[in-house]
Every structure is written in structure tokens, then in C-alpha cells.
Amino acid sequence: MAHIVILGAGIGGMPAAYEMRETLGDQHTITVINDRDYFQFVPSNPWVAVGWRTRADITFPIEPCLARKNIKFIASRCDKIDAQANTLQLANGQTVNYDYLVIATGAK
């Protein structure tokens, strides 16, 4: 059983997690790590700026959506990737081991 970690829960990371779960089934563990506990549909930011939408219209909490697909979620920034040891050091002090790492952090 492999542990797949996806860094980033934006418009790249969320679909990657869903597609991996669908493709791999439940025999593998998938964990998404994101620095925030909510998803924000960034392309709609201009609509908020001009008053056509509210922030609540373009955001939702991540964890319940992933939990429905048996995908784990950690809301913390990743401070260090140790590729040699297959580990991540998170800002909350947690260390996460992985077999496969997908980096989907967007422009950052």
C-alpha cells in the first residue's frame, strides 16, 4: 500500500486527488496538504472585487469534500521537502512520510 501526498489543494491539487482516488481505489492512502483549510476559486476573485459575488460564494472548506472520497487532509504549510528521505516537514511541527509526492502548489 502506497502513501501518495499531494501538496496544494487548488485547481490542480483537488482534481489530482479525486482522480487518483478514482484510479487507484481504496487500497492506497492519499493525503492532501494545503496551507489553508479552505478552497478558493481564484478565477472568481474579480467578481468579488466588483461586488458580483461574495467571498462565501467562491470558497468552501476542503476537509469535508476530501473525506467523502476517503482522502486525508492536513491544513498546514510545508516548510521543507526532504526528497532523499521521502518526508515533509510541516509548519505545525508534523513530519509526513510519503511514497509518492505530487506538487500542485500553483504559481508559488
N, C-alpha and C. Protein backbone atom coordinates (compact mmCIF):
# COMPACT_ATOMS: atom_id res chain seq x y z
N MET A 1 0.85 -1.18 0.00
CA MET A 1 0.00 0.00 0.00
C MET A 1 0.89 1.24 0.00
N ALA A 2 0.66 2.12 -0.95
CA ALA A 2 1.46 3.34 -1.09
C ALA A 2 0.75 4.52 -0.43
N HIS A 3 1.57 5.47 0.02
CA HIS A 3 1.05 6.73 0.54
C HIS A 3 1.40 7.83 -0.45
N ILE A 4 0.37 8.38 -1.08
CA ILE A 4 0.54 9.46 -2.05
C ILE A 4 0.17 10.77 -1.36
N VAL A 5 1.07 11.74 -1.41
CA VAL A 5 0.82 13.05 -0.81
C VAL A 5 0.74 14.07 -1.93
N ILE A 6 -0.27 14.91 -1.86
CA ILE A 6 -0.44 16.00 -2.82
C ILE A 6 -0.29 17.30 -2.06
N LEU A 7 0.71 18.09 -2.44
CA LEU A 7 0.90 19.42 -1.85
C LEU A 7 0.10 20.41 -2.68
N GLY A 8 -0.84 21.07 -2.03
CA GLY A 8 -1.66 22.06 -2.71
C GLY A 8 -3.07 21.54 -2.94
N ALA A 9 -4.04 22.38 -2.60
CA ALA A 9 -5.45 21.99 -2.76
C ALA A 9 -6.19 23.05 -3.57
N GLY A 10 -5.58 23.45 -4.65
CA GLY A 10 -6.20 24.43 -5.53
C GLY A 10 -6.80 23.75 -6.75
N ILE A 11 -6.83 24.47 -7.85
CA ILE A 11 -7.47 23.93 -9.06
C ILE A 11 -6.63 22.85 -9.73
N GLY A 12 -5.43 22.58 -9.22
CA GLY A 12 -4.63 21.46 -9.67
C GLY A 12 -4.67 20.31 -8.68
N GLY A 13 -4.48 20.61 -7.41
CA GLY A 13 -4.39 19.58 -6.38
C GLY A 13 -5.68 18.85 -6.09
N MET A 14 -6.79 19.57 -6.05
CA MET A 14 -8.07 18.92 -5.75
C MET A 14 -8.45 17.91 -6.84
N PRO A 15 -8.44 18.29 -8.12
CA PRO A 15 -8.75 17.29 -9.14
C PRO A 15 -7.75 16.13 -9.15
N ALA A 16 -6.48 16.41 -8.88
CA ALA A 16 -5.48 15.35 -8.84
C ALA A 16 -5.83 14.33 -7.76
N ALA A 17 -6.24 14.82 -6.60
CA ALA A 17 -6.61 13.91 -5.50
C ALA A 17 -7.82 13.06 -5.87
N TYR A 18 -8.85 13.69 -6.43
CA TYR A 18 -10.06 12.95 -6.82
C TYR A 18 -9.76 11.90 -7.89
N GLU A 19 -8.96 12.29 -8.89
CA GLU A 19 -8.66 11.36 -9.97
C GLU A 19 -7.78 10.21 -9.49
N MET A 20 -6.86 10.49 -8.58
CA MET A 20 -6.03 9.41 -8.02
C MET A 20 -6.89 8.43 -7.24
N ARG A 21 -7.81 8.96 -6.45
CA ARG A 21 -8.68 8.07 -5.68
C ARG A 21 -9.49 7.19 -6.62
N GLU A 22 -10.04 7.78 -7.67
CA GLU A 22 -10.85 7.01 -8.62
C GLU A 22 -10.01 5.96 -9.34
N THR A 23 -8.80 6.34 -9.72
CA THR A 23 -7.93 5.43 -10.48
C THR A 23 -7.34 4.34 -9.60
N LEU A 24 -6.90 4.69 -8.39
CA LEU A 24 -6.18 3.74 -7.54
C LEU A 24 -7.07 2.94 -6.61
N GLY A 25 -8.30 3.39 -6.40
CA GLY A 25 -9.16 2.70 -5.46
C GLY A 25 -8.76 2.99 -4.02
N ASP A 26 -9.32 2.22 -3.09
CA ASP A 26 -9.10 2.50 -1.67
C ASP A 26 -7.90 1.79 -1.07
N GLN A 27 -7.16 1.00 -1.84
CA GLN A 27 -6.04 0.27 -1.25
C GLN A 27 -4.82 1.14 -0.97
N HIS A 28 -4.80 2.36 -1.48
CA HIS A 28 -3.69 3.29 -1.23
C HIS A 28 -4.19 4.49 -0.43
N THR A 29 -3.28 5.06 0.37
CA THR A 29 -3.62 6.24 1.17
C THR A 29 -3.26 7.49 0.37
N ILE A 30 -4.20 8.42 0.32
CA ILE A 30 -3.96 9.71 -0.33
C ILE A 30 -4.15 10.80 0.71
N THR A 31 -3.18 11.69 0.80
CA THR A 31 -3.25 12.81 1.73
C THR A 31 -3.00 14.10 0.96
N VAL A 32 -3.86 15.07 1.18
CA VAL A 32 -3.68 16.41 0.59
C VAL A 32 -3.22 17.34 1.71
N ILE A 33 -2.19 18.13 1.43
CA ILE A 33 -1.67 19.10 2.39
C ILE A 33 -1.79 20.48 1.75
N ASN A 34 -2.39 21.40 2.48
CA ASN A 34 -2.57 22.77 1.98
C ASN A 34 -2.38 23.74 3.13
N ASP A 35 -1.87 24.92 2.84
CA ASP A 35 -1.61 25.88 3.91
C ASP A 35 -2.88 26.50 4.49
N ARG A 36 -4.00 26.36 3.80
CA ARG A 36 -5.28 26.86 4.30
C ARG A 36 -6.27 25.71 4.36
N ASP A 37 -7.30 25.88 5.18
CA ASP A 37 -8.30 24.81 5.31
C ASP A 37 -9.49 25.01 4.38
N TYR A 38 -9.39 25.96 3.45
CA TYR A 38 -10.48 26.21 2.52
C TYR A 38 -9.95 26.30 1.09
N PHE A 39 -10.84 25.98 0.15
CA PHE A 39 -10.56 26.12 -1.27
C PHE A 39 -11.17 27.44 -1.72
N GLN A 40 -10.42 28.18 -2.53
CA GLN A 40 -10.93 29.43 -3.10
C GLN A 40 -10.79 29.35 -4.61
N PHE A 41 -11.91 29.55 -5.30
CA PHE A 41 -11.88 29.53 -6.76
C PHE A 41 -11.32 30.87 -7.25
N VAL A 42 -10.00 30.91 -7.41
CA VAL A 42 -9.26 32.14 -7.70
C VAL A 42 -9.76 32.87 -8.95
N PRO A 43 -10.15 32.17 -10.03
CA PRO A 43 -10.63 32.92 -11.20
C PRO A 43 -11.85 33.81 -10.91
N SER A 44 -12.55 33.56 -9.81
CA SER A 44 -13.71 34.39 -9.47
C SER A 44 -13.35 35.59 -8.60
N ASN A 45 -12.09 35.76 -8.24
CA ASN A 45 -11.70 36.91 -7.41
C ASN A 45 -12.14 38.26 -7.98
N PRO A 46 -12.04 38.48 -9.29
CA PRO A 46 -12.51 39.78 -9.82
C PRO A 46 -14.00 40.01 -9.56
N TRP A 47 -14.80 38.94 -9.55
CA TRP A 47 -16.23 39.09 -9.28
C TRP A 47 -16.46 39.58 -7.86
N VAL A 48 -15.63 39.12 -6.92
CA VAL A 48 -15.74 39.59 -5.54
C VAL A 48 -15.35 41.07 -5.48
N ALA A 49 -14.30 41.42 -6.20
CA ALA A 49 -13.81 42.80 -6.18
C ALA A 49 -14.86 43.81 -6.67
N VAL A 50 -15.67 43.40 -7.64
CA VAL A 50 -16.67 44.32 -8.17
C VAL A 50 -18.05 44.11 -7.55
N GLY A 51 -18.14 43.21 -6.57
CA GLY A 51 -19.39 43.02 -5.85
C GLY A 51 -20.39 42.07 -6.49
N TRP A 52 -19.98 41.32 -7.50
CA TRP A 52 -20.89 40.38 -8.16
C TRP A 52 -21.01 39.06 -7.38
N ARG A 53 -20.03 38.77 -6.54
CA ARG A 53 -20.01 37.59 -5.67
C ARG A 53 -19.46 38.00 -4.32
N THR A 54 -19.72 37.17 -3.32
CA THR A 54 -19.10 37.37 -2.01
C THR A 54 -18.01 36.32 -1.85
N ARG A 55 -17.15 36.51 -0.85
CA ARG A 55 -16.10 35.53 -0.59
C ARG A 55 -16.71 34.16 -0.32
N ALA A 56 -17.83 34.13 0.39
CA ALA A 56 -18.51 32.86 0.70
C ALA A 56 -18.98 32.15 -0.57
N ASP A 57 -19.25 32.90 -1.62
CA ASP A 57 -19.69 32.31 -2.88
C ASP A 57 -18.57 31.53 -3.59
N ILE A 58 -17.32 31.91 -3.33
CA ILE A 58 -16.22 31.32 -4.09
C ILE A 58 -15.27 30.49 -3.22
N THR A 59 -15.65 30.20 -1.97
CA THR A 59 -14.82 29.39 -1.10
C THR A 59 -15.65 28.27 -0.45
N PHE A 60 -14.97 27.20 -0.06
CA PHE A 60 -15.62 26.15 0.72
C PHE A 60 -14.55 25.40 1.51
N PRO A 61 -14.94 24.78 2.63
CA PRO A 61 -13.96 24.02 3.43
C PRO A 61 -13.51 22.77 2.68
N ILE A 62 -12.24 22.47 2.74
CA ILE A 62 -11.65 21.37 1.99
C ILE A 62 -11.93 20.01 2.63
N GLU A 63 -11.73 19.89 3.92
CA GLU A 63 -11.74 18.59 4.59
C GLU A 63 -13.01 17.78 4.34
N PRO A 64 -14.21 18.35 4.47
CA PRO A 64 -15.39 17.51 4.24
C PRO A 64 -15.48 16.95 2.82
N CYS A 65 -15.04 17.72 1.85
CA CYS A 65 -15.09 17.26 0.45
C CYS A 65 -14.14 16.10 0.22
N LEU A 66 -12.95 16.18 0.79
CA LEU A 66 -11.97 15.10 0.62
C LEU A 66 -12.37 13.88 1.44
N ALA A 67 -12.90 14.09 2.63
CA ALA A 67 -13.30 12.97 3.49
C ALA A 67 -14.34 12.08 2.81
N ARG A 68 -15.23 12.68 2.04
CA ARG A 68 -16.25 11.90 1.33
C ARG A 68 -15.64 10.91 0.34
N LYS A 69 -14.41 11.19 -0.09
CA LYS A 69 -13.72 10.32 -1.05
C LYS A 69 -12.61 9.50 -0.36
N ASN A 70 -12.62 9.47 0.96
CA ASN A 70 -11.61 8.74 1.73
C ASN A 70 -10.20 9.28 1.44
N ILE A 71 -10.09 10.60 1.39
CA ILE A 71 -8.81 11.27 1.19
C ILE A 71 -8.53 12.08 2.45
N LYS A 72 -7.34 11.89 3.02
CA LYS A 72 -6.96 12.60 4.24
C LYS A 72 -6.57 14.04 3.90
N PHE A 73 -6.68 14.91 4.91
CA PHE A 73 -6.34 16.31 4.70
C PHE A 73 -5.59 16.86 5.90
N ILE A 74 -4.54 17.63 5.63
CA ILE A 74 -3.78 18.33 6.66
C ILE A 74 -3.71 19.79 6.26
N ALA A 75 -4.19 20.66 7.14
CA ALA A 75 -4.12 22.11 6.89
C ALA A 75 -2.88 22.67 7.57
N SER A 76 -1.80 22.72 6.83
CA SER A 76 -0.54 23.27 7.34
C SER A 76 0.37 23.56 6.17
N ARG A 77 1.19 24.57 6.31
CA ARG A 77 2.19 24.90 5.29
C ARG A 77 3.31 23.87 5.34
N CYS A 78 3.84 23.50 4.20
CA CYS A 78 5.00 22.63 4.13
C CYS A 78 6.24 23.52 4.11
N ASP A 79 7.11 23.33 5.10
CA ASP A 79 8.32 24.15 5.19
C ASP A 79 9.54 23.52 4.53
N LYS A 80 9.54 22.18 4.45
CA LYS A 80 10.72 21.52 3.89
C LYS A 80 10.34 20.19 3.25
N ILE A 81 10.91 19.96 2.07
CA ILE A 81 10.78 18.67 1.40
C ILE A 81 12.14 17.99 1.45
N ASP A 82 12.20 16.81 2.05
CA ASP A 82 13.42 16.01 2.06
C ASP A 82 13.19 14.85 1.10
N ALA A 83 13.55 15.06 -0.16
CA ALA A 83 13.29 14.06 -1.20
C ALA A 83 14.09 12.78 -0.97
N GLN A 84 15.28 12.89 -0.39
CA GLN A 84 16.09 11.70 -0.12
C GLN A 84 15.43 10.77 0.89
N ALA A 85 14.77 11.36 1.89
CA ALA A 85 14.12 10.58 2.95
C ALA A 85 12.62 10.42 2.73
N ASN A 86 12.10 11.00 1.65
CA ASN A 86 10.66 10.96 1.35
C ASN A 86 9.83 11.47 2.53
N THR A 87 10.22 12.63 3.05
CA THR A 87 9.47 13.22 4.16
C THR A 87 9.24 14.70 3.92
N LEU A 88 8.18 15.19 4.54
CA LEU A 88 7.85 16.61 4.53
C LEU A 88 7.85 17.12 5.96
N GLN A 89 8.38 18.30 6.16
CA GLN A 89 8.31 18.96 7.46
C GLN A 89 7.26 20.06 7.34
N LEU A 90 6.25 20.00 8.19
CA LEU A 90 5.17 20.97 8.14
C LEU A 90 5.35 22.05 9.19
N ALA A 91 4.73 23.19 8.95
CA ALA A 91 4.83 24.33 9.86
C ALA A 91 4.24 24.01 11.23
N ASN A 92 3.29 23.08 11.29
CA ASN A 92 2.68 22.72 12.58
C ASN A 92 3.54 21.75 13.38
N GLY A 93 4.75 21.43 12.89
CA GLY A 93 5.67 20.54 13.58
C GLY A 93 5.56 19.08 13.16
N GLN A 94 4.58 18.76 12.38
CA GLN A 94 4.34 17.39 11.94
C GLN A 94 5.31 17.00 10.83
N THR A 95 5.73 15.74 10.83
CA THR A 95 6.52 15.16 9.75
C THR A 95 5.63 14.16 9.03
N VAL A 96 5.59 14.24 7.70
CA VAL A 96 4.76 13.35 6.90
C VAL A 96 5.67 12.56 5.97
N ASN A 97 5.56 11.24 6.04
CA ASN A 97 6.28 10.36 5.12
C ASN A 97 5.41 10.08 3.91
N TYR A 98 6.05 9.87 2.77
CA TYR A 98 5.29 9.58 1.55
C TYR A 98 6.06 8.60 0.68
N ASP A 99 5.32 7.91 -0.17
CA ASP A 99 5.94 7.07 -1.20
C ASP A 99 6.02 7.84 -2.52
N TYR A 100 4.96 8.62 -2.79
CA TYR A 100 4.90 9.45 -4.00
C TYR A 100 4.43 10.83 -3.61
N LEU A 101 5.02 11.84 -4.23
CA LEU A 101 4.69 13.23 -3.93
C LEU A 101 4.29 13.94 -5.21
N VAL A 102 3.13 14.60 -5.17
CA VAL A 102 2.67 15.45 -6.26
C VAL A 102 2.71 16.88 -5.74
N ILE A 103 3.41 17.75 -6.44
CA ILE A 103 3.49 19.16 -6.03
C ILE A 103 2.56 19.95 -6.95
N ALA A 104 1.47 20.44 -6.36
CA ALA A 104 0.47 21.19 -7.12
C ALA A 104 0.17 22.49 -6.39
N THR A 105 1.23 23.25 -6.13
CA THR A 105 1.09 24.48 -5.35
C THR A 105 0.85 25.71 -6.19
N GLY A 106 0.66 25.54 -7.47
CA GLY A 106 0.36 26.68 -8.33
C GLY A 106 1.59 27.54 -8.59
N ALA A 107 1.34 28.81 -8.76
CA ALA A 107 2.39 29.74 -9.13
C ALA A 107 3.49 29.86 -8.08
N LYS A 108 3.17 29.55 -6.84
CA LYS A 108 4.18 29.62 -5.79
C LYS A 108 5.06 28.40 -5.84
